[in-house]
Amino acid sequence: MELRIAQSDLEDLQAIQEYYKEQDVPHIGDDFVAAILEHCEMLQIHPDAGRVVPEFNLDHICELIHAPFRVVYLRQAKEVVLIRVWRSERQLELPENET
């Protein structure tokens, strides 16, 4: 199964790096991003590993927890698309074109 990263997810990952850079600990942001991406690689083999996002309760919108982040992805027939990375405490909202 193919793993794809949506533009919205790339922007979230860049925002994580930028936040930690502003806190004068850029290596922490880099480490988080690398660890998140490495964690998500397993979705290529195990696309059902995550849980359905409770806020949406739709079978194709799932998440992996990579504390303190939630990695939201779309599970599709031949690919998994990473669409958002948010802090766990944040309420989820998807852009209209992502559903």
PDB file of N, CA and C in Angstrom:
ATOM      1  N   MET A   1       0.843  -1.175   0.000  1.00  0.00           N
ATOM      2  CA  MET A   1       0.000   0.000   0.000  1.00  0.00           C
ATOM      3  C   MET A   1       0.887   1.237   0.000  1.00  0.00           C
ATOM      4  N   GLU A   2       0.495   2.229  -0.776  1.00  0.00           N
ATOM      5  CA  GLU A   2       1.269   3.460  -0.878  1.00  0.00           C
ATOM      6  C   GLU A   2       0.950   4.398   0.285  1.00  0.00           C
ATOM      7  N   LEU A   3       1.967   5.085   0.775  1.00  0.00           N
ATOM      8  CA  LEU A   3       1.809   6.094   1.816  1.00  0.00           C
ATOM      9  C   LEU A   3       2.068   7.446   1.184  1.00  0.00           C
ATOM     10  N   ARG A   4       1.093   8.325   1.278  1.00  0.00           N
ATOM     11  CA  ARG A   4       1.212   9.658   0.686  1.00  0.00           C
ATOM     12  C   ARG A   4       1.015  10.706   1.776  1.00  0.00           C
ATOM     13  N   ILE A   5       1.671  11.835   1.613  1.00  0.00           N
ATOM     14  CA  ILE A   5       1.561  12.927   2.585  1.00  0.00           C
ATOM     15  C   ILE A   5       0.892  14.111   1.906  1.00  0.00           C
ATOM     16  N   ALA A   6      -0.262  14.513   2.426  1.00  0.00           N
ATOM     17  CA  ALA A   6      -0.979  15.664   1.872  1.00  0.00           C
ATOM     18  C   ALA A   6      -0.267  16.957   2.251  1.00  0.00           C
ATOM     19  N   GLN A   7      -0.525  18.002   1.483  1.00  0.00           N
ATOM     20  CA  GLN A   7       0.073  19.315   1.743  1.00  0.00           C
ATOM     21  C   GLN A   7      -0.262  19.795   3.158  1.00  0.00           C
ATOM     22  N   SER A   8      -1.497  19.553   3.601  1.00  0.00           N
ATOM     23  CA  SER A   8      -1.903  19.983   4.949  1.00  0.00           C
ATOM     24  C   SER A   8      -1.044  19.316   6.016  1.00  0.00           C
ATOM     25  N   ASP A   9      -0.678  18.058   5.802  1.00  0.00           N
ATOM     26  CA  ASP A   9       0.161  17.337   6.747  1.00  0.00           C
ATOM     27  C   ASP A   9       1.589  17.885   6.726  1.00  0.00           C
ATOM     28  N   LEU A  10       2.099  18.159   5.541  1.00  0.00           N
ATOM     29  CA  LEU A  10       3.437  18.753   5.442  1.00  0.00           C
ATOM     30  C   LEU A  10       3.505  20.085   6.181  1.00  0.00           C
ATOM     31  N   GLU A  11       2.457  20.883   6.041  1.00  0.00           N
ATOM     32  CA  GLU A  11       2.415  22.177   6.725  1.00  0.00           C
ATOM     33  C   GLU A  11       2.382  21.992   8.239  1.00  0.00           C
ATOM     34  N   ASP A  12       1.644  20.980   8.705  1.00  0.00           N
ATOM     35  CA  ASP A  12       1.617  20.703  10.146  1.00  0.00           C
ATOM     36  C   ASP A  12       2.997  20.295  10.652  1.00  0.00           C
ATOM     37  N   LEU A  13       3.678  19.441   9.900  1.00  0.00           N
ATOM     38  CA  LEU A  13       5.021  19.010  10.299  1.00  0.00           C
ATOM     39  C   LEU A  13       5.994  20.182  10.313  1.00  0.00           C
ATOM     40  N   GLN A  14       5.884  21.065   9.328  1.00  0.00           N
ATOM     41  CA  GLN A  14       6.731  22.255   9.303  1.00  0.00           C
ATOM     42  C   GLN A  14       6.419  23.179  10.480  1.00  0.00           C
ATOM     43  N   ALA A  15       5.161  23.266  10.855  1.00  0.00           N
ATOM     44  CA  ALA A  15       4.767  24.099  11.999  1.00  0.00           C
ATOM     45  C   ALA A  15       5.339  23.541  13.300  1.00  0.00           C
ATOM     46  N   ILE A  16       5.384  22.221  13.412  1.00  0.00           N
ATOM     47  CA  ILE A  16       5.997  21.600  14.593  1.00  0.00           C
ATOM     48  C   ILE A  16       7.469  21.984  14.662  1.00  0.00           C
ATOM     49  N   GLN A  17       8.164  21.860  13.538  1.00  0.00           N
ATOM     50  CA  GLN A  17       9.581  22.236  13.512  1.00  0.00           C
ATOM     51  C   GLN A  17       9.776  23.705  13.839  1.00  0.00           C
ATOM     52  N   GLU A  18       8.932  24.553  13.288  1.00  0.00           N
ATOM     53  CA  GLU A  18       9.049  25.991  13.519  1.00  0.00           C
ATOM     54  C   GLU A  18       8.810  26.338  14.992  1.00  0.00           C
ATOM     55  N   TYR A  19       7.810  25.695  15.600  1.00  0.00           N
ATOM     56  CA  TYR A  19       7.516  25.951  17.012  1.00  0.00           C
ATOM     57  C   TYR A  19       8.740  25.667  17.883  1.00  0.00           C
ATOM     58  N   TYR A  20       9.337  24.502  17.693  1.00  0.00           N
ATOM     59  CA  TYR A  20      10.488  24.149  18.519  1.00  0.00           C
ATOM     60  C   TYR A  20      11.718  24.986  18.175  1.00  0.00           C
ATOM     61  N   LYS A  21      11.815  25.424  16.945  1.00  0.00           N
ATOM     62  CA  LYS A  21      12.897  26.331  16.561  1.00  0.00           C
ATOM     63  C   LYS A  21      12.743  27.653  17.319  1.00  0.00           C
ATOM     64  N   GLU A  22      11.498  28.155  17.408  1.00  0.00           N
ATOM     65  CA  GLU A  22      11.233  29.398  18.144  1.00  0.00           C
ATOM     66  C   GLU A  22      11.519  29.244  19.639  1.00  0.00           C
ATOM     67  N   GLN A  23      11.426  28.005  20.141  1.00  0.00           N
ATOM     68  CA  GLN A  23      11.707  27.741  21.557  1.00  0.00           C
ATOM     69  C   GLN A  23      13.205  27.479  21.795  1.00  0.00           C
ATOM     70  N   ASP A  24      14.007  27.679  20.750  1.00  0.00           N
ATOM     71  CA  ASP A  24      15.462  27.472  20.800  1.00  0.00           C
ATOM     72  C   ASP A  24      15.868  26.021  21.043  1.00  0.00           C
ATOM     73  N   VAL A  25      15.000  25.082  20.631  1.00  0.00           N
ATOM     74  CA  VAL A  25      15.333  23.658  20.701  1.00  0.00           C
ATOM     75  C   VAL A  25      14.924  22.984  19.384  1.00  0.00           C
ATOM     76  N   PRO A  26      15.533  23.438  18.265  1.00  0.00           N
ATOM     77  CA  PRO A  26      15.107  22.926  16.958  1.00  0.00           C
ATOM     78  C   PRO A  26      15.283  21.414  16.811  1.00  0.00           C
ATOM     79  N   HIS A  27      16.246  20.842  17.530  1.00  0.00           N
ATOM     80  CA  HIS A  27      16.466  19.399  17.426  1.00  0.00           C
ATOM     81  C   HIS A  27      15.256  18.601  17.917  1.00  0.00           C
ATOM     82  N   ILE A  28      14.502  19.157  18.867  1.00  0.00           N
ATOM     83  CA  ILE A  28      13.315  18.457  19.366  1.00  0.00           C
ATOM     84  C   ILE A  28      12.250  18.394  18.272  1.00  0.00           C
ATOM     85  N   GLY A  29      12.043  19.485  17.569  1.00  0.00           N
ATOM     86  CA  GLY A  29      11.092  19.491  16.461  1.00  0.00           C
ATOM     87  C   GLY A  29      11.508  18.539  15.361  1.00  0.00           C
ATOM     88  N   ASP A  30      12.791  18.547  15.030  1.00  0.00           N
ATOM     89  CA  ASP A  30      13.301  17.636  14.000  1.00  0.00           C
ATOM     90  C   ASP A  30      13.109  16.184  14.429  1.00  0.00           C
ATOM     91  N   ASP A  31      13.385  15.912  15.706  1.00  0.00           N
ATOM     92  CA  ASP A  31      13.226  14.547  16.219  1.00  0.00           C
ATOM     93  C   ASP A  31      11.766  14.105  16.189  1.00  0.00           C
ATOM     94  N   PHE A  32      10.846  15.006  16.583  1.00  0.00           N
ATOM     95  CA  PHE A  32       9.417  14.677  16.540  1.00  0.00           C
ATOM     96  C   PHE A  32       8.981  14.351  15.116  1.00  0.00           C
ATOM     97  N   VAL A  33       9.347  15.185  14.177  1.00  0.00           N
ATOM     98  CA  VAL A  33       8.937  14.982  12.781  1.00  0.00           C
ATOM     99  C   VAL A  33       9.478  13.657  12.255  1.00  0.00           C
ATOM    100  N   ALA A  34      10.753  13.385  12.502  1.00  0.00           N
ATOM    101  CA  ALA A  34      11.344  12.126  12.045  1.00  0.00           C
ATOM    102  C   ALA A  34      10.651  10.924  12.677  1.00  0.00           C
ATOM    103  N   ALA A  35      10.374  11.008  13.976  1.00  0.00           N
ATOM    104  CA  ALA A  35       9.728   9.897  14.678  1.00  0.00           C
ATOM    105  C   ALA A  35       8.292   9.693  14.204  1.00  0.00           C
ATOM    106  N   ILE A  36       7.577  10.782  13.956  1.00  0.00           N
ATOM    107  CA  ILE A  36       6.202  10.690  13.459  1.00  0.00           C
ATOM    108  C   ILE A  36       6.183   9.998  12.098  1.00  0.00           C
ATOM    109  N   LEU A  37       7.053  10.431  11.204  1.00  0.00           N
ATOM    110  CA  LEU A  37       7.092   9.833   9.863  1.00  0.00           C
ATOM    111  C   LEU A  37       7.497   8.365   9.917  1.00  0.00           C
ATOM    112  N   GLU A  38       8.452   8.055  10.769  1.00  0.00           N
ATOM    113  CA  GLU A  38       8.870   6.659  10.913  1.00  0.00           C
ATOM    114  C   GLU A  38       7.722   5.807  11.457  1.00  0.00           C
ATOM    115  N   HIS A  39       7.009   6.319  12.441  1.00  0.00           N
ATOM    116  CA  HIS A  39       5.856   5.617  13.016  1.00  0.00           C
ATOM    117  C   HIS A  39       4.803   5.351  11.938  1.00  0.00           C
ATOM    118  N   CYS A  40       4.570   6.323  11.082  1.00  0.00           N
ATOM    119  CA  CYS A  40       3.532   6.208  10.051  1.00  0.00           C
ATOM    120  C   CYS A  40       3.896   5.241   8.932  1.00  0.00           C
ATOM    121  N   GLU A  41       5.172   4.947   8.770  1.00  0.00           N
ATOM    122  CA  GLU A  41       5.579   4.012   7.720  1.00  0.00           C
ATOM    123  C   GLU A  41       4.903   2.654   7.875  1.00  0.00           C
ATOM    124  N   MET A  42       4.603   2.262   9.104  1.00  0.00           N
ATOM    125  CA  MET A  42       3.964   0.969   9.327  1.00  0.00           C
ATOM    126  C   MET A  42       2.574   0.880   8.723  1.00  0.00           C
ATOM    127  N   LEU A  43       1.978   2.025   8.396  1.00  0.00           N
ATOM    128  CA  LEU A  43       0.651   2.022   7.779  1.00  0.00           C
ATOM    129  C   LEU A  43       0.675   1.425   6.379  1.00  0.00           C
ATOM    130  N   GLN A  44       1.833   1.390   5.753  1.00  0.00           N
ATOM    131  CA  GLN A  44       1.944   0.772   4.434  1.00  0.00           C
ATOM    132  C   GLN A  44       1.627  -0.721   4.509  1.00  0.00           C
ATOM    133  N   ILE A  45       1.985  -1.349   5.600  1.00  0.00           N
ATOM    134  CA  ILE A  45       1.752  -2.778   5.791  1.00  0.00           C
ATOM    135  C   ILE A  45       0.492  -3.016   6.624  1.00  0.00           C
ATOM    136  N   HIS A  46       0.241  -2.129   7.595  1.00  0.00           N
ATOM    137  CA  HIS A  46      -0.887  -2.289   8.520  1.00  0.00           C
ATOM    138  C   HIS A  46      -1.780  -1.046   8.511  1.00  0.00           C
ATOM    139  N   PRO A  47      -2.518  -0.810   7.420  1.00  0.00           N
ATOM    140  CA  PRO A  47      -3.339   0.402   7.341  1.00  0.00           C
ATOM    141  C   PRO A  47      -4.474   0.444   8.370  1.00  0.00           C
ATOM    142  N   ASP A  48      -4.783  -0.699   8.976  1.00  0.00           N
ATOM    143  CA  ASP A  48      -5.836  -0.742   9.989  1.00  0.00           C
ATOM    144  C   ASP A  48      -5.292  -0.574  11.406  1.00  0.00           C
ATOM    145  N   ALA A  49      -4.021  -0.239  11.530  1.00  0.00           N
ATOM    146  CA  ALA A  49      -3.390  -0.148  12.846  1.00  0.00           C
ATOM    147  C   ALA A  49      -3.955   0.981  13.696  1.00  0.00           C
ATOM    148  N   GLY A  50      -4.367   2.064  13.067  1.00  0.00           N
ATOM    149  CA  GLY A  50      -4.903   3.196  13.818  1.00  0.00           C
ATOM    150  C   GLY A  50      -6.354   2.968  14.195  1.00  0.00           C
ATOM    151  N   ARG A  51      -6.871   3.908  14.949  1.00  0.00           N
ATOM    152  CA  ARG A  51      -8.281   3.828  15.338  1.00  0.00           C
ATOM    153  C   ARG A  51      -9.080   4.843  14.536  1.00  0.00           C
ATOM    154  N   VAL A  52     -10.371   4.614  14.453  1.00  0.00           N
ATOM    155  CA  VAL A  52     -11.260   5.583  13.825  1.00  0.00           C
ATOM    156  C   VAL A  52     -11.249   6.845  14.683  1.00  0.00           C
ATOM    157  N   VAL A  53     -11.155   8.001  14.048  1.00  0.00           N
ATOM    158  CA  VAL A  53     -11.145   9.270  14.781  1.00  0.00           C
ATOM    159  C   VAL A  53     -12.519   9.446  15.442  1.00  0.00           C
ATOM    160  N   PRO A  54     -12.567   9.494  16.772  1.00  0.00           N
ATOM    161  CA  PRO A  54     -13.847   9.548  17.480  1.00  0.00           C
ATOM    162  C   PRO A  54     -14.734  10.732  17.089  1.00  0.00           C
ATOM    163  N   GLU A  55     -14.132  11.878  16.802  1.00  0.00           N
ATOM    164  CA  GLU A  55     -14.926  13.059  16.469  1.00  0.00           C
ATOM    165  C   GLU A  55     -15.723  12.893  15.177  1.00  0.00           C
ATOM    166  N   PHE A  56     -15.252  12.035  14.287  1.00  0.00           N
ATOM    167  CA  PHE A  56     -15.908  11.870  12.983  1.00  0.00           C
ATOM    168  C   PHE A  56     -16.653  10.553  12.864  1.00  0.00           C
ATOM    169  N   ASN A  57     -16.137   9.505  13.511  1.00  0.00           N
ATOM    170  CA  ASN A  57     -16.746   8.186  13.482  1.00  0.00           C
ATOM    171  C   ASN A  57     -17.006   7.702  12.053  1.00  0.00           C
ATOM    172  N   LEU A  58     -16.026   7.905  11.179  1.00  0.00           N
ATOM    173  CA  LEU A  58     -16.078   7.430   9.800  1.00  0.00           C
ATOM    174  C   LEU A  58     -14.953   6.418   9.611  1.00  0.00           C
ATOM    175  N   ASP A  59     -15.273   5.275   9.031  1.00  0.00           N
ATOM    176  CA  ASP A  59     -14.312   4.180   8.928  1.00  0.00           C
ATOM    177  C   ASP A  59     -13.034   4.537   8.177  1.00  0.00           C
ATOM    178  N   HIS A  60     -13.099   5.480   7.258  1.00  0.00           N
ATOM    179  CA  HIS A  60     -11.924   5.794   6.444  1.00  0.00           C
ATOM    180  C   HIS A  60     -11.060   6.919   7.014  1.00  0.00           C
ATOM    181  N   ILE A  61     -11.489   7.567   8.101  1.00  0.00           N
ATOM    182  CA  ILE A  61     -10.691   8.623   8.736  1.00  0.00           C
ATOM    183  C   ILE A  61     -10.176   8.078  10.063  1.00  0.00           C
ATOM    184  N   CYS A  62      -8.877   7.794  10.085  1.00  0.00           N
ATOM    185  CA  CYS A  62      -8.269   7.141  11.247  1.00  0.00           C
ATOM    186  C   CYS A  62      -7.139   7.995  11.803  1.00  0.00           C
ATOM    187  N   GLU A  63      -6.604   7.552  12.929  1.00  0.00           N
ATOM    188  CA  GLU A  63      -5.497   8.272  13.537  1.00  0.00           C
ATOM    189  C   GLU A  63      -4.551   7.317  14.237  1.00  0.00           C
ATOM    190  N   LEU A  64      -3.304   7.713  14.244  1.00  0.00           N
ATOM    191  CA  LEU A  64      -2.294   7.086  15.079  1.00  0.00           C
ATOM    192  C   LEU A  64      -1.945   8.104  16.152  1.00  0.00           C
ATOM    193  N   ILE A  65      -1.751   7.627  17.344  1.00  0.00           N
ATOM    194  CA  ILE A  65      -1.320   8.512  18.425  1.00  0.00           C
ATOM    195  C   ILE A  65       0.198   8.419  18.514  1.00  0.00           C
ATOM    196  N   HIS A  66       0.833   9.563  18.396  1.00  0.00           N
ATOM    197  CA  HIS A  66       2.276   9.679  18.608  1.00  0.00           C
ATOM    198  C   HIS A  66       2.429  10.842  19.583  1.00  0.00           C
ATOM    199  N   ALA A  67       2.289  10.510  20.866  1.00  0.00           N
ATOM    200  CA  ALA A  67       2.194  11.526  21.916  1.00  0.00           C
ATOM    201  C   ALA A  67       3.294  12.569  21.792  1.00  0.00           C
ATOM    202  N   PRO A  68       2.950  13.850  21.907  1.00  0.00           N
ATOM    203  CA  PRO A  68       1.626  14.405  22.215  1.00  0.00           C
ATOM    204  C   PRO A  68       0.810  14.740  20.955  1.00  0.00           C
ATOM    205  N   PHE A  69       1.025  14.015  19.876  1.00  0.00           N
ATOM    206  CA  PHE A  69       0.368  14.335  18.612  1.00  0.00           C
ATOM    207  C   PHE A  69      -0.594  13.247  18.163  1.00  0.00           C
ATOM    208  N   ARG A  70      -1.567  13.664  17.374  1.00  0.00           N
ATOM    209  CA  ARG A  70      -2.498  12.759  16.693  1.00  0.00           C
ATOM    210  C   ARG A  70      -2.203  12.899  15.198  1.00  0.00           C
ATOM    211  N   VAL A  71      -1.926  11.787  14.555  1.00  0.00           N
ATOM    212  CA  VAL A  71      -1.669  11.776  13.120  1.00  0.00           C
ATOM    213  C   VAL A  71      -2.935  11.240  12.448  1.00  0.00           C
ATOM    214  N   VAL A  72      -3.631  12.110  11.748  1.00  0.00           N
ATOM    215  CA  VAL A  72      -4.897  11.737  11.114  1.00  0.00           C
ATOM    216  C   VAL A  72      -4.617  11.349   9.664  1.00  0.00           C
ATOM    217  N   TYR A  73      -5.221  10.234   9.255  1.00  0.00           N
ATOM    218  CA  TYR A  73      -5.003   9.764   7.888  1.00  0.00           C
ATOM    219  C   TYR A  73      -6.279   9.201   7.286  1.00  0.00           C
ATOM    220  N   LEU A  74      -6.300   9.225   5.963  1.00  0.00           N
ATOM    221  CA  LEU A  74      -7.401   8.626   5.208  1.00  0.00           C
ATOM    222  C   LEU A  74      -6.955   7.243   4.762  1.00  0.00           C
ATOM    223  N   ARG A  75      -7.766   6.262   5.046  1.00  0.00           N
ATOM    224  CA  ARG A  75      -7.493   4.900   4.611  1.00  0.00           C
ATOM    225  C   ARG A  75      -8.309   4.661   3.349  1.00  0.00           C
ATOM    226  N   GLN A  76      -7.613   4.479   2.240  1.00  0.00           N
ATOM    227  CA  GLN A  76      -8.276   4.286   0.962  1.00  0.00           C
ATOM    228  C   GLN A  76      -7.887   2.926   0.387  1.00  0.00           C
ATOM    229  N   ALA A  77      -8.473   2.572  -0.744  1.00  0.00           N
ATOM    230  CA  ALA A  77      -8.286   1.236  -1.310  1.00  0.00           C
ATOM    231  C   ALA A  77      -6.817   0.886  -1.536  1.00  0.00           C
ATOM    232  N   LYS A  78      -6.059   1.784  -2.152  1.00  0.00           N
ATOM    233  CA  LYS A  78      -4.675   1.464  -2.507  1.00  0.00           C
ATOM    234  C   LYS A  78      -3.653   2.374  -1.865  1.00  0.00           C
ATOM    235  N   GLU A  79      -4.101   3.277  -1.016  1.00  0.00           N
ATOM    236  CA  GLU A  79      -3.151   4.186  -0.382  1.00  0.00           C
ATOM    237  C   GLU A  79      -3.661   4.665   0.962  1.00  0.00           C
ATOM    238  N   VAL A  80      -2.712   5.109   1.745  1.00  0.00           N
ATOM    239  CA  VAL A  80      -2.987   5.782   3.008  1.00  0.00           C
ATOM    240  C   VAL A  80      -2.459   7.199   2.829  1.00  0.00           C
ATOM    241  N   VAL A  81      -3.299   8.186   3.148  1.00  0.00           N
ATOM    242  CA  VAL A  81      -2.910   9.583   2.980  1.00  0.00           C
ATOM    243  C   VAL A  81      -2.871  10.257   4.345  1.00  0.00           C
ATOM    244  N   LEU A  82      -1.690  10.683   4.750  1.00  0.00           N
ATOM    245  CA  LEU A  82      -1.553  11.449   5.997  1.00  0.00           C
ATOM    246  C   LEU A  82      -2.095  12.845   5.722  1.00  0.00           C
ATOM    247  N   ILE A  83      -3.083  13.264   6.523  1.00  0.00           N
ATOM    248  CA  ILE A  83      -3.699  14.559   6.223  1.00  0.00           C
ATOM    249  C   ILE A  83      -3.485  15.626   7.291  1.00  0.00           C
ATOM    250  N   ARG A  84      -3.316  15.244   8.553  1.00  0.00           N
ATOM    251  CA  ARG A  84      -3.095  16.258   9.593  1.00  0.00           C
ATOM    252  C   ARG A  84      -2.257  15.674  10.719  1.00  0.00           C
ATOM    253  N   VAL A  85      -1.495  16.531  11.377  1.00  0.00           N
ATOM    254  CA  VAL A  85      -0.802  16.188  12.615  1.00  0.00           C
ATOM    255  C   VAL A  85      -1.113  17.303  13.594  1.00  0.00           C
ATOM    256  N   TRP A  86      -1.804  16.927  14.676  1.00  0.00           N
ATOM    257  CA  TRP A  86      -2.210  17.915  15.674  1.00  0.00           C
ATOM    258  C   TRP A  86      -1.840  17.458  17.062  1.00  0.00           C
ATOM    259  N   ARG A  87      -1.708  18.423  17.944  1.00  0.00           N
ATOM    260  CA  ARG A  87      -1.517  18.090  19.356  1.00  0.00           C
ATOM    261  C   ARG A  87      -2.756  17.362  19.853  1.00  0.00           C
ATOM    262  N   SER A  88      -2.573  16.427  20.728  1.00  0.00           N
ATOM    263  CA  SER A  88      -3.652  15.553  21.189  1.00  0.00           C
ATOM    264  C   SER A  88      -4.830  16.291  21.803  1.00  0.00           C
ATOM    265  N   GLU A  89      -4.573  17.391  22.448  1.00  0.00           N
ATOM    266  CA  GLU A  89      -5.662  18.094  23.128  1.00  0.00           C
ATOM    267  C   GLU A  89      -6.492  18.975  22.185  1.00  0.00           C
ATOM    268  N   ARG A  90      -6.077  19.113  20.968  1.00  0.00           N
ATOM    269  CA  ARG A  90      -6.769  19.991  20.030  1.00  0.00           C
ATOM    270  C   ARG A  90      -8.003  19.313  19.426  1.00  0.00           C
ATOM    271  N   GLN A  91      -9.085  20.047  19.316  1.00  0.00           N
ATOM    272  CA  GLN A  91     -10.297  19.553  18.664  1.00  0.00           C
ATOM    273  C   GLN A  91     -10.049  19.429  17.168  1.00  0.00           C
ATOM    274  N   LEU A  92     -10.437  18.318  16.589  1.00  0.00           N
ATOM    275  CA  LEU A  92     -10.171  18.077  15.176  1.00  0.00           C
ATOM    276  C   LEU A  92     -11.205  18.707  14.270  1.00  0.00           C
ATOM    277  N   GLU A  93     -10.717  19.255  13.171  1.00  0.00           N
ATOM    278  CA  GLU A  93     -11.562  19.772  12.097  1.00  0.00           C
ATOM    279  C   GLU A  93     -10.828  19.479  10.803  1.00  0.00           C
ATOM    280  N   LEU A  94     -11.540  18.968   9.830  1.00  0.00           N
ATOM    281  CA  LEU A  94     -10.927  18.696   8.525  1.00  0.00           C
ATOM    282  C   LEU A  94     -11.394  19.713   7.501  1.00  0.00           C
ATOM    283  N   PRO A  95     -10.496  20.136   6.616  1.00  0.00           N
ATOM    284  CA  PRO A  95     -10.914  21.006   5.533  1.00  0.00           C
ATOM    285  C   PRO A  95     -11.919  20.269   4.646  1.00  0.00           C
ATOM    286  N   GLU A  96     -12.777  20.993   3.984  1.00  0.00           N
ATOM    287  CA  GLU A  96     -13.822  20.401   3.157  1.00  0.00           C
ATOM    288  C   GLU A  96     -13.282  19.432   2.112  1.00  0.00           C
ATOM    289  N   ASN A  97     -12.159  19.745   1.492  1.00  0.00           N
ATOM    290  CA  ASN A  97     -11.637  18.910   0.420  1.00  0.00           C
ATOM    291  C   ASN A  97     -10.901  17.672   0.908  1.00  0.00           C
ATOM    292  N   GLU A  98     -10.786  17.454   2.196  1.00  0.00           N
ATOM    293  CA  GLU A  98     -10.075  16.300   2.738  1.00  0.00           C
ATOM    294  C   GLU A  98     -11.000  15.135   3.075  1.00  0.00           C
ATOM    295  N   THR A  99     -12.297  15.329   3.069  1.00  0.00           N
ATOM    296  CA  THR A  99     -13.212  14.256   3.454  1.00  0.00           C
ATOM    297  C   THR A  99     -13.715  13.482   2.259  1.00  0.00           C
TER     298      THR A  99
END
